[in-house]
Amino acid sequence: MRWGLFLRGLPATLRDELPATLHAFRWTAYAQQAKAWYGNADLHYEIWVRGRLHVVELGLHFEADDLTNARLLAAFGSRAKEVKRGLGRDARIEEWDRGWARVWEPISLELSDDELTERVGTRLCDYVRVLEPILRDELPADVPWKVSAGRRGPRAISSRASR
């Protein structure tokens, strides 16, 4: 699988599948990892190919300061039923490395390339569609947040907008 090529093509899939209100994300992709975010790069959706573990990690990561991460972990934990209803039982809400937290799931690398690319693309859209409204609703008021100006390009960022 040529992960870098696949990951660089995902923004078009996201914009095709997500509602227009969720088109203005920013995106960065590397050979084995990609991130999408809206108002704060420390709170991002991530795809990480973990070859040694034979999985692709996919989820929403909270990699801000410890207090922000803890508050968001608690908020998402309190809405776990809603998260599970929207994403299914494979979605996990947990603390992670370095004081970070995440809502995520592993996807097996044992799938065929076609199945894997379909699954990753579909699940990323599911995660954004289900979790972004919760994130915006639960985001503490003191956490920096800048929404995109609404251009199709993922690099445009404007001043703070109301949530």
N, C-alpha and C. Protein backbone atom coordinates (compact mmCIF):
# COMPACT_ATOMS: atom_id res chain seq x y z
N MET A 1 0.85 -1.18 0.00
CA MET A 1 0.00 0.00 0.00
C MET A 1 0.89 1.23 0.00
N ARG A 2 0.56 2.19 -0.81
CA ARG A 2 1.27 3.47 -0.85
C ARG A 2 0.51 4.46 0.03
N TRP A 3 0.83 4.42 1.31
CA TRP A 3 0.09 5.20 2.29
C TRP A 3 0.17 6.70 2.05
N GLY A 4 1.35 7.20 1.74
CA GLY A 4 1.49 8.64 1.54
C GLY A 4 0.55 9.16 0.47
N LEU A 5 0.47 8.47 -0.64
CA LEU A 5 -0.41 8.86 -1.74
C LEU A 5 -1.87 8.80 -1.30
N PHE A 6 -2.24 7.72 -0.64
CA PHE A 6 -3.62 7.57 -0.16
C PHE A 6 -3.98 8.68 0.82
N LEU A 7 -3.10 8.95 1.79
CA LEU A 7 -3.39 9.95 2.81
C LEU A 7 -3.49 11.36 2.23
N ARG A 8 -2.68 11.65 1.24
CA ARG A 8 -2.75 12.98 0.60
C ARG A 8 -4.05 13.15 -0.19
N GLY A 9 -4.68 12.06 -0.59
CA GLY A 9 -5.94 12.14 -1.33
C GLY A 9 -7.18 12.18 -0.47
N LEU A 10 -7.05 11.95 0.81
CA LEU A 10 -8.23 11.89 1.68
C LEU A 10 -8.99 13.21 1.84
N PRO A 11 -8.36 14.38 1.80
CA PRO A 11 -9.16 15.60 1.93
C PRO A 11 -10.30 15.69 0.91
N ALA A 12 -10.07 15.26 -0.30
CA ALA A 12 -11.15 15.30 -1.31
C ALA A 12 -12.29 14.38 -0.90
N THR A 13 -11.98 13.22 -0.38
CA THR A 13 -13.01 12.29 0.09
C THR A 13 -13.80 12.91 1.23
N LEU A 14 -13.10 13.52 2.17
CA LEU A 14 -13.79 14.17 3.29
C LEU A 14 -14.75 15.24 2.80
N ARG A 15 -14.30 16.07 1.88
CA ARG A 15 -15.16 17.16 1.39
C ARG A 15 -16.34 16.62 0.59
N ASP A 16 -16.15 15.48 -0.08
CA ASP A 16 -17.26 14.87 -0.82
C ASP A 16 -18.31 14.27 0.13
N GLU A 17 -17.86 13.74 1.26
CA GLU A 17 -18.74 12.99 2.15
C GLU A 17 -19.30 13.79 3.32
N LEU A 18 -18.60 14.81 3.76
CA LEU A 18 -19.04 15.57 4.93
C LEU A 18 -20.00 16.68 4.54
N PRO A 19 -20.85 17.11 5.48
CA PRO A 19 -21.71 18.27 5.19
C PRO A 19 -20.85 19.52 4.97
N ALA A 20 -21.38 20.46 4.24
CA ALA A 20 -20.63 21.68 3.89
C ALA A 20 -20.10 22.40 5.12
N THR A 21 -20.80 22.32 6.23
CA THR A 21 -20.35 23.00 7.45
C THR A 21 -19.05 22.41 8.01
N LEU A 22 -18.65 21.24 7.52
CA LEU A 22 -17.42 20.59 7.99
C LEU A 22 -16.34 20.51 6.90
N HIS A 23 -16.47 21.30 5.87
CA HIS A 23 -15.48 21.27 4.77
C HIS A 23 -14.20 22.04 5.07
N ALA A 24 -14.24 22.99 5.96
CA ALA A 24 -13.12 23.93 6.13
C ALA A 24 -12.11 23.45 7.18
N PHE A 25 -11.61 22.24 7.01
CA PHE A 25 -10.59 21.71 7.91
C PHE A 25 -9.21 21.98 7.33
N ARG A 26 -8.22 21.85 8.18
CA ARG A 26 -6.83 21.90 7.74
C ARG A 26 -6.32 20.47 7.71
N TRP A 27 -5.29 20.22 6.91
CA TRP A 27 -4.83 18.85 6.68
C TRP A 27 -3.32 18.81 6.51
N THR A 28 -2.71 17.82 7.09
CA THR A 28 -1.31 17.55 6.83
C THR A 28 -1.14 16.03 6.73
N ALA A 29 -0.29 15.60 5.82
CA ALA A 29 -0.08 14.16 5.63
C ALA A 29 1.40 13.88 5.42
N TYR A 30 1.81 12.75 5.96
CA TYR A 30 3.18 12.26 5.82
C TYR A 30 3.10 10.85 5.24
N ALA A 31 4.19 10.14 5.26
CA ALA A 31 4.23 8.80 4.67
C ALA A 31 3.31 7.82 5.40
N GLN A 32 3.22 7.89 6.72
CA GLN A 32 2.46 6.92 7.51
C GLN A 32 1.45 7.57 8.46
N GLN A 33 1.23 8.87 8.32
CA GLN A 33 0.37 9.56 9.27
C GLN A 33 -0.27 10.78 8.61
N ALA A 34 -1.50 11.08 9.02
CA ALA A 34 -2.18 12.29 8.55
C ALA A 34 -3.00 12.85 9.69
N LYS A 35 -3.20 14.17 9.65
CA LYS A 35 -4.00 14.85 10.67
C LYS A 35 -4.92 15.86 9.99
N ALA A 36 -6.14 15.96 10.53
CA ALA A 36 -7.11 16.97 10.12
C ALA A 36 -7.59 17.68 11.38
N TRP A 37 -7.77 18.98 11.28
CA TRP A 37 -8.27 19.74 12.43
C TRP A 37 -9.01 20.96 11.93
N TYR A 38 -9.78 21.52 12.85
CA TYR A 38 -10.58 22.69 12.54
C TYR A 38 -10.03 23.91 13.26
N GLY A 39 -10.23 24.06 14.54
CA GLY A 39 -9.89 25.30 15.22
C GLY A 39 -8.64 25.27 16.05
N ASN A 40 -8.09 24.10 16.34
CA ASN A 40 -6.92 24.00 17.19
C ASN A 40 -6.17 22.73 16.79
N ALA A 41 -4.97 22.88 16.31
CA ALA A 41 -4.20 21.73 15.81
C ALA A 41 -3.90 20.70 16.89
N ASP A 42 -3.97 21.11 18.16
CA ASP A 42 -3.74 20.15 19.25
C ASP A 42 -4.93 19.22 19.45
N LEU A 43 -6.06 19.54 18.85
CA LEU A 43 -7.28 18.74 18.92
C LEU A 43 -7.59 18.31 17.50
N HIS A 44 -7.10 17.16 17.12
CA HIS A 44 -7.11 16.78 15.70
C HIS A 44 -7.54 15.33 15.49
N TYR A 45 -7.99 15.06 14.29
CA TYR A 45 -8.28 13.70 13.84
C TYR A 45 -6.98 13.16 13.26
N GLU A 46 -6.69 11.93 13.59
CA GLU A 46 -5.40 11.38 13.17
C GLU A 46 -5.57 9.99 12.60
N ILE A 47 -4.81 9.73 11.56
CA ILE A 47 -4.66 8.40 10.99
C ILE A 47 -3.18 8.08 11.12
N TRP A 48 -2.88 6.96 11.77
CA TRP A 48 -1.48 6.60 12.00
C TRP A 48 -1.31 5.12 11.68
N VAL A 49 -0.52 4.83 10.68
CA VAL A 49 -0.24 3.46 10.29
C VAL A 49 0.82 2.91 11.25
N ARG A 50 0.47 1.91 12.02
CA ARG A 50 1.36 1.32 13.03
C ARG A 50 1.70 -0.10 12.59
N GLY A 51 2.66 -0.19 11.68
CA GLY A 51 3.02 -1.47 11.09
C GLY A 51 3.39 -2.54 12.09
N ARG A 52 4.16 -2.18 13.11
CA ARG A 52 4.57 -3.18 14.11
C ARG A 52 3.39 -3.77 14.87
N LEU A 53 2.34 -2.96 15.03
CA LEU A 53 1.13 -3.43 15.73
C LEU A 53 0.10 -4.01 14.77
N HIS A 54 0.35 -3.91 13.47
CA HIS A 54 -0.54 -4.41 12.42
C HIS A 54 -1.91 -3.73 12.42
N VAL A 55 -1.92 -2.43 12.73
CA VAL A 55 -3.16 -1.67 12.74
C VAL A 55 -2.95 -0.26 12.19
N VAL A 56 -4.05 0.33 11.81
CA VAL A 56 -4.12 1.76 11.55
C VAL A 56 -4.91 2.32 12.73
N GLU A 57 -4.32 3.27 13.43
CA GLU A 57 -5.04 3.97 14.49
C GLU A 57 -5.79 5.12 13.84
N LEU A 58 -7.04 5.25 14.17
CA LEU A 58 -7.85 6.33 13.62
C LEU A 58 -8.67 6.92 14.74
N GLY A 59 -8.62 8.24 14.90
CA GLY A 59 -9.44 8.82 15.94
C GLY A 59 -9.22 10.31 16.11
N LEU A 60 -9.89 10.83 17.13
CA LEU A 60 -9.77 12.22 17.55
C LEU A 60 -8.81 12.26 18.72
N HIS A 61 -7.73 13.03 18.59
CA HIS A 61 -6.71 13.12 19.63
C HIS A 61 -6.78 14.46 20.34
N PHE A 62 -6.64 14.42 21.67
CA PHE A 62 -6.54 15.61 22.49
C PHE A 62 -5.08 15.69 22.94
N GLU A 63 -4.31 16.54 22.30
CA GLU A 63 -2.88 16.67 22.58
C GLU A 63 -2.53 18.11 22.98
N ALA A 64 -3.42 18.71 23.74
CA ALA A 64 -3.22 20.07 24.24
C ALA A 64 -2.57 19.98 25.63
N ASP A 65 -2.77 20.98 26.46
CA ASP A 65 -2.25 20.95 27.82
C ASP A 65 -3.03 19.91 28.64
N ASP A 66 -2.45 19.50 29.76
CA ASP A 66 -3.04 18.43 30.57
C ASP A 66 -4.47 18.75 31.01
N LEU A 67 -4.73 19.99 31.42
CA LEU A 67 -6.06 20.36 31.89
C LEU A 67 -7.09 20.27 30.76
N THR A 68 -6.77 20.81 29.61
CA THR A 68 -7.69 20.73 28.46
C THR A 68 -7.96 19.28 28.10
N ASN A 69 -6.92 18.49 28.02
CA ASN A 69 -7.08 17.07 27.67
C ASN A 69 -7.97 16.36 28.69
N ALA A 70 -7.75 16.61 29.98
CA ALA A 70 -8.55 15.97 31.02
C ALA A 70 -10.00 16.41 30.95
N ARG A 71 -10.23 17.69 30.70
CA ARG A 71 -11.61 18.18 30.61
C ARG A 71 -12.33 17.57 29.41
N LEU A 72 -11.65 17.47 28.28
CA LEU A 72 -12.28 16.88 27.10
C LEU A 72 -12.49 15.38 27.27
N LEU A 73 -11.53 14.71 27.88
CA LEU A 73 -11.70 13.27 28.15
C LEU A 73 -12.94 13.06 29.02
N ALA A 74 -13.09 13.86 30.06
CA ALA A 74 -14.26 13.74 30.94
C ALA A 74 -15.56 14.05 30.18
N ALA A 75 -15.53 15.07 29.35
CA ALA A 75 -16.72 15.45 28.59
C ALA A 75 -17.14 14.34 27.63
N PHE A 76 -16.17 13.80 26.91
CA PHE A 76 -16.50 12.72 25.97
C PHE A 76 -16.89 11.46 26.72
N GLY A 77 -16.27 11.21 27.87
CA GLY A 77 -16.66 10.07 28.69
C GLY A 77 -18.11 10.18 29.16
N SER A 78 -18.52 11.39 29.50
CA SER A 78 -19.91 11.59 29.94
C SER A 78 -20.89 11.43 28.79
N ARG A 79 -20.39 11.50 27.57
CA ARG A 79 -21.25 11.34 26.40
C ARG A 79 -20.92 10.04 25.65
N ALA A 80 -20.37 9.08 26.39
CA ALA A 80 -19.93 7.81 25.78
C ALA A 80 -21.06 7.09 25.05
N LYS A 81 -22.26 7.10 25.60
CA LYS A 81 -23.38 6.42 24.91
C LYS A 81 -23.64 7.06 23.55
N GLU A 82 -23.60 8.38 23.50
CA GLU A 82 -23.80 9.09 22.24
C GLU A 82 -22.68 8.75 21.24
N VAL A 83 -21.44 8.72 21.74
CA VAL A 83 -20.30 8.37 20.89
C VAL A 83 -20.46 6.95 20.35
N LYS A 84 -20.80 6.00 21.22
CA LYS A 84 -20.96 4.60 20.79
C LYS A 84 -22.13 4.44 19.83
N ARG A 85 -23.21 5.20 20.06
CA ARG A 85 -24.35 5.15 19.12
C ARG A 85 -23.92 5.62 17.74
N GLY A 86 -23.10 6.66 17.70
CA GLY A 86 -22.69 7.22 16.42
C GLY A 86 -21.57 6.46 15.73
N LEU A 87 -20.67 5.86 16.53
CA LEU A 87 -19.48 5.23 15.94
C LEU A 87 -19.43 3.72 16.10
N GLY A 88 -20.24 3.16 16.96
CA GLY A 88 -20.22 1.71 17.18
C GLY A 88 -19.33 1.32 18.34
N ARG A 89 -19.33 0.04 18.63
CA ARG A 89 -18.65 -0.45 19.83
C ARG A 89 -17.13 -0.47 19.73
N ASP A 90 -16.58 -0.32 18.53
CA ASP A 90 -15.13 -0.32 18.38
C ASP A 90 -14.48 0.98 18.85
N ALA A 91 -15.27 2.04 18.97
CA ALA A 91 -14.72 3.33 19.41
C ALA A 91 -14.37 3.26 20.89
N ARG A 92 -13.18 3.75 21.22
CA ARG A 92 -12.67 3.73 22.59
C ARG A 92 -12.39 5.17 23.03
N ILE A 93 -12.71 5.47 24.27
CA ILE A 93 -12.43 6.78 24.86
C ILE A 93 -11.46 6.53 25.99
N GLU A 94 -10.25 7.10 25.89
CA GLU A 94 -9.25 6.75 26.89
C GLU A 94 -8.13 7.76 27.02
N GLU A 95 -7.48 7.71 28.18
CA GLU A 95 -6.23 8.44 28.36
C GLU A 95 -5.17 7.77 27.51
N TRP A 96 -4.14 8.53 27.17
CA TRP A 96 -3.09 7.98 26.34
C TRP A 96 -1.76 8.52 26.83
N ASP A 97 -0.78 8.49 26.03
CA ASP A 97 0.59 8.87 26.31
C ASP A 97 0.73 10.36 26.65
N ARG A 98 1.66 10.73 27.49
CA ARG A 98 2.06 12.12 27.79
C ARG A 98 0.94 13.02 28.29
N GLY A 99 -0.05 12.46 28.95
CA GLY A 99 -1.17 13.27 29.41
C GLY A 99 -2.20 13.55 28.33
N TRP A 100 -2.05 12.91 27.20
CA TRP A 100 -3.00 13.08 26.10
C TRP A 100 -4.20 12.16 26.31
N ALA A 101 -5.21 12.34 25.48
CA ALA A 101 -6.39 11.48 25.50
C ALA A 101 -6.88 11.34 24.06
N ARG A 102 -7.78 10.39 23.85
CA ARG A 102 -8.26 10.17 22.48
C ARG A 102 -9.57 9.38 22.47
N VAL A 103 -10.29 9.57 21.39
CA VAL A 103 -11.43 8.74 21.02
C VAL A 103 -10.97 8.07 19.74
N TRP A 104 -10.85 6.75 19.74
CA TRP A 104 -10.16 6.10 18.62
C TRP A 104 -10.59 4.65 18.45
N GLU A 105 -10.10 4.08 17.37
CA GLU A 105 -10.27 2.64 17.13
C GLU A 105 -9.10 2.15 16.29
N PRO A 106 -8.76 0.87 16.46
CA PRO A 106 -7.76 0.26 15.59
C PRO A 106 -8.46 -0.38 14.38
N ILE A 107 -7.81 -0.30 13.25
CA ILE A 107 -8.29 -0.96 12.04
C ILE A 107 -7.18 -1.90 11.59
N SER A 108 -7.50 -3.16 11.40
CA SER A 108 -6.50 -4.17 11.08
C SER A 108 -5.86 -3.94 9.72
N LEU A 109 -4.55 -4.07 9.69
CA LEU A 109 -3.82 -4.01 8.42
C LEU A 109 -3.97 -5.30 7.62
N GLU A 110 -4.65 -6.28 8.18
CA GLU A 110 -4.84 -7.56 7.50
C GLU A 110 -5.89 -7.49 6.38
N LEU A 111 -6.63 -6.40 6.31
CA LEU A 111 -7.61 -6.24 5.24
C LEU A 111 -6.90 -6.05 3.90
N SER A 112 -7.59 -6.33 2.82
CA SER A 112 -7.03 -6.07 1.49
C SER A 112 -6.85 -4.55 1.34
N ASP A 113 -6.01 -4.12 0.41
CA ASP A 113 -5.79 -2.69 0.21
C ASP A 113 -7.09 -1.96 -0.07
N ASP A 114 -7.94 -2.53 -0.92
CA ASP A 114 -9.21 -1.88 -1.25
C ASP A 114 -10.11 -1.77 -0.02
N GLU A 115 -10.21 -2.86 0.75
CA GLU A 115 -11.03 -2.84 1.97
C GLU A 115 -10.48 -1.84 2.98
N LEU A 116 -9.17 -1.81 3.08
CA LEU A 116 -8.53 -0.93 4.06
C LEU A 116 -8.73 0.54 3.71
N THR A 117 -8.51 0.91 2.46
CA THR A 117 -8.70 2.30 2.08
C THR A 117 -10.16 2.72 2.22
N GLU A 118 -11.07 1.84 1.87
CA GLU A 118 -12.50 2.13 2.04
C GLU A 118 -12.84 2.32 3.52
N ARG A 119 -12.36 1.42 4.34
CA ARG A 119 -12.65 1.47 5.78
C ARG A 119 -12.07 2.73 6.41
N VAL A 120 -10.82 3.04 6.12
CA VAL A 120 -10.18 4.22 6.72
C VAL A 120 -10.91 5.49 6.29
N GLY A 121 -11.20 5.63 5.00
CA GLY A 121 -11.90 6.82 4.51
C GLY A 121 -13.29 6.96 5.12
N THR A 122 -14.02 5.87 5.15
CA THR A 122 -15.37 5.89 5.71
C THR A 122 -15.36 6.21 7.20
N ARG A 123 -14.46 5.56 7.93
CA ARG A 123 -14.42 5.78 9.38
C ARG A 123 -13.94 7.18 9.73
N LEU A 124 -13.00 7.73 8.97
CA LEU A 124 -12.59 9.10 9.23
C LEU A 124 -13.77 10.05 9.06
N CYS A 125 -14.54 9.87 8.01
CA CYS A 125 -15.74 10.70 7.82
C CYS A 125 -16.72 10.51 8.98
N ASP A 126 -16.91 9.26 9.41
CA ASP A 126 -17.79 9.00 10.55
C ASP A 126 -17.32 9.72 11.80
N TYR A 127 -16.02 9.64 12.07
CA TYR A 127 -15.47 10.27 13.27
C TYR A 127 -15.68 11.78 13.24
N VAL A 128 -15.40 12.40 12.12
CA VAL A 128 -15.58 13.85 12.03
C VAL A 128 -17.05 14.21 12.16
N ARG A 129 -17.91 13.51 11.46
CA ARG A 129 -19.34 13.80 11.47
C ARG A 129 -19.93 13.66 12.88
N VAL A 130 -19.53 12.63 13.61
CA VAL A 130 -20.08 12.37 14.94
C VAL A 130 -19.40 13.21 16.03
N LEU A 131 -18.07 13.30 15.98
CA LEU A 131 -17.33 13.88 17.10
C LEU A 131 -17.13 15.39 17.02
N GLU A 132 -17.06 15.96 15.84
CA GLU A 132 -16.80 17.40 15.75
C GLU A 132 -17.90 18.22 16.41
N PRO A 133 -19.18 17.90 16.23
CA PRO A 133 -20.20 18.66 16.95
C PRO A 133 -20.08 18.53 18.47
N ILE A 134 -19.71 17.35 18.95
CA ILE A 134 -19.52 17.16 20.38
C ILE A 134 -18.32 17.98 20.85
N LEU A 135 -17.22 17.93 20.11
CA LEU A 135 -16.04 18.69 20.48
C LEU A 135 -16.37 20.17 20.58
N ARG A 136 -17.05 20.71 19.59
CA ARG A 136 -17.38 22.13 19.61
C ARG A 136 -18.33 22.48 20.75
N ASP A 137 -19.22 21.56 21.07
CA ASP A 137 -20.16 21.78 22.17
C ASP A 137 -19.47 21.72 23.53
N GLU A 138 -18.50 20.84 23.67
CA GLU A 138 -17.83 20.61 24.96
C GLU A 138 -16.54 21.40 25.13
N LEU A 139 -16.08 22.08 24.11
CA LEU A 139 -14.81 22.79 24.17
C LEU A 139 -14.85 23.87 25.25
N PRO A 140 -13.94 23.81 26.22
CA PRO A 140 -13.92 24.87 27.24
C PRO A 140 -13.68 26.24 26.60
N ALA A 141 -14.33 27.26 27.13
CA ALA A 141 -14.27 28.61 26.54
C ALA A 141 -12.86 29.18 26.50
N ASP A 142 -11.98 28.73 27.40
CA ASP A 142 -10.63 29.28 27.43
C ASP A 142 -9.64 28.56 26.52
N VAL A 143 -10.10 27.59 25.74
CA VAL A 143 -9.21 26.87 24.82
C VAL A 143 -9.17 27.62 23.49
N PRO A 144 -7.97 27.93 23.00
CA PRO A 144 -7.85 28.65 21.72
C PRO A 144 -8.54 27.88 20.60
N TRP A 145 -9.27 28.63 19.79
CA TRP A 145 -10.02 28.00 18.70
C TRP A 145 -10.18 29.02 17.58
N LYS A 146 -9.71 28.69 16.41
CA LYS A 146 -9.88 29.55 15.23
C LYS A 146 -10.48 28.70 14.13
N VAL A 147 -11.60 29.13 13.63
CA VAL A 147 -12.23 28.38 12.56
C VAL A 147 -11.77 28.90 11.22
N SER A 148 -11.81 28.03 10.25
CA SER A 148 -11.36 28.39 8.91
C SER A 148 -12.27 29.44 8.30
N ALA A 149 -11.71 30.19 7.39
CA ALA A 149 -12.46 31.25 6.71
C ALA A 149 -13.50 30.68 5.76
N GLY A 150 -13.50 29.38 5.55
CA GLY A 150 -14.51 28.76 4.70
C GLY A 150 -14.06 28.52 3.27
N ARG A 151 -12.82 28.87 2.95
CA ARG A 151 -12.32 28.55 1.62
C ARG A 151 -12.09 27.06 1.52
N ARG A 152 -12.08 26.55 0.30
CA ARG A 152 -11.88 25.12 0.11
C ARG A 152 -10.46 24.68 0.49
N GLY A 153 -9.52 25.55 0.41
CA GLY A 153 -8.14 25.20 0.75
C GLY A 153 -7.99 24.95 2.23
N PRO A 154 -7.27 23.89 2.62
CA PRO A 154 -7.17 23.55 4.03
C PRO A 154 -6.20 24.42 4.82
N ARG A 155 -5.56 25.40 4.23
CA ARG A 155 -4.56 26.21 4.92
C ARG A 155 -5.10 27.52 5.46
N ALA A 156 -6.30 27.92 5.09
CA ALA A 156 -6.82 29.23 5.48
C ALA A 156 -7.36 29.21 6.90
N ILE A 157 -6.91 30.13 7.72
CA ILE A 157 -7.39 30.25 9.10
C ILE A 157 -7.78 31.70 9.33
N SER A 158 -8.91 31.92 9.97
CA SER A 158 -9.35 33.28 10.25
C SER A 158 -9.34 33.53 11.75
N SER A 159 -9.83 34.67 12.15
CA SER A 159 -9.89 34.99 13.59
C SER A 159 -10.98 34.16 14.25
N ARG A 160 -10.99 34.18 15.58
CA ARG A 160 -11.94 33.37 16.36
C ARG A 160 -13.37 33.68 15.93
N ALA A 161 -14.11 32.64 15.70
CA ALA A 161 -15.53 32.78 15.34
C ALA A 161 -16.37 32.17 16.45
N SER A 162 -17.60 32.53 16.50
CA SER A 162 -18.46 31.97 17.55
C SER A 162 -18.72 30.50 17.27
N ARG A 163 -18.91 29.78 18.35
CA ARG A 163 -19.20 28.35 18.24
C ARG A 163 -20.67 28.12 18.42
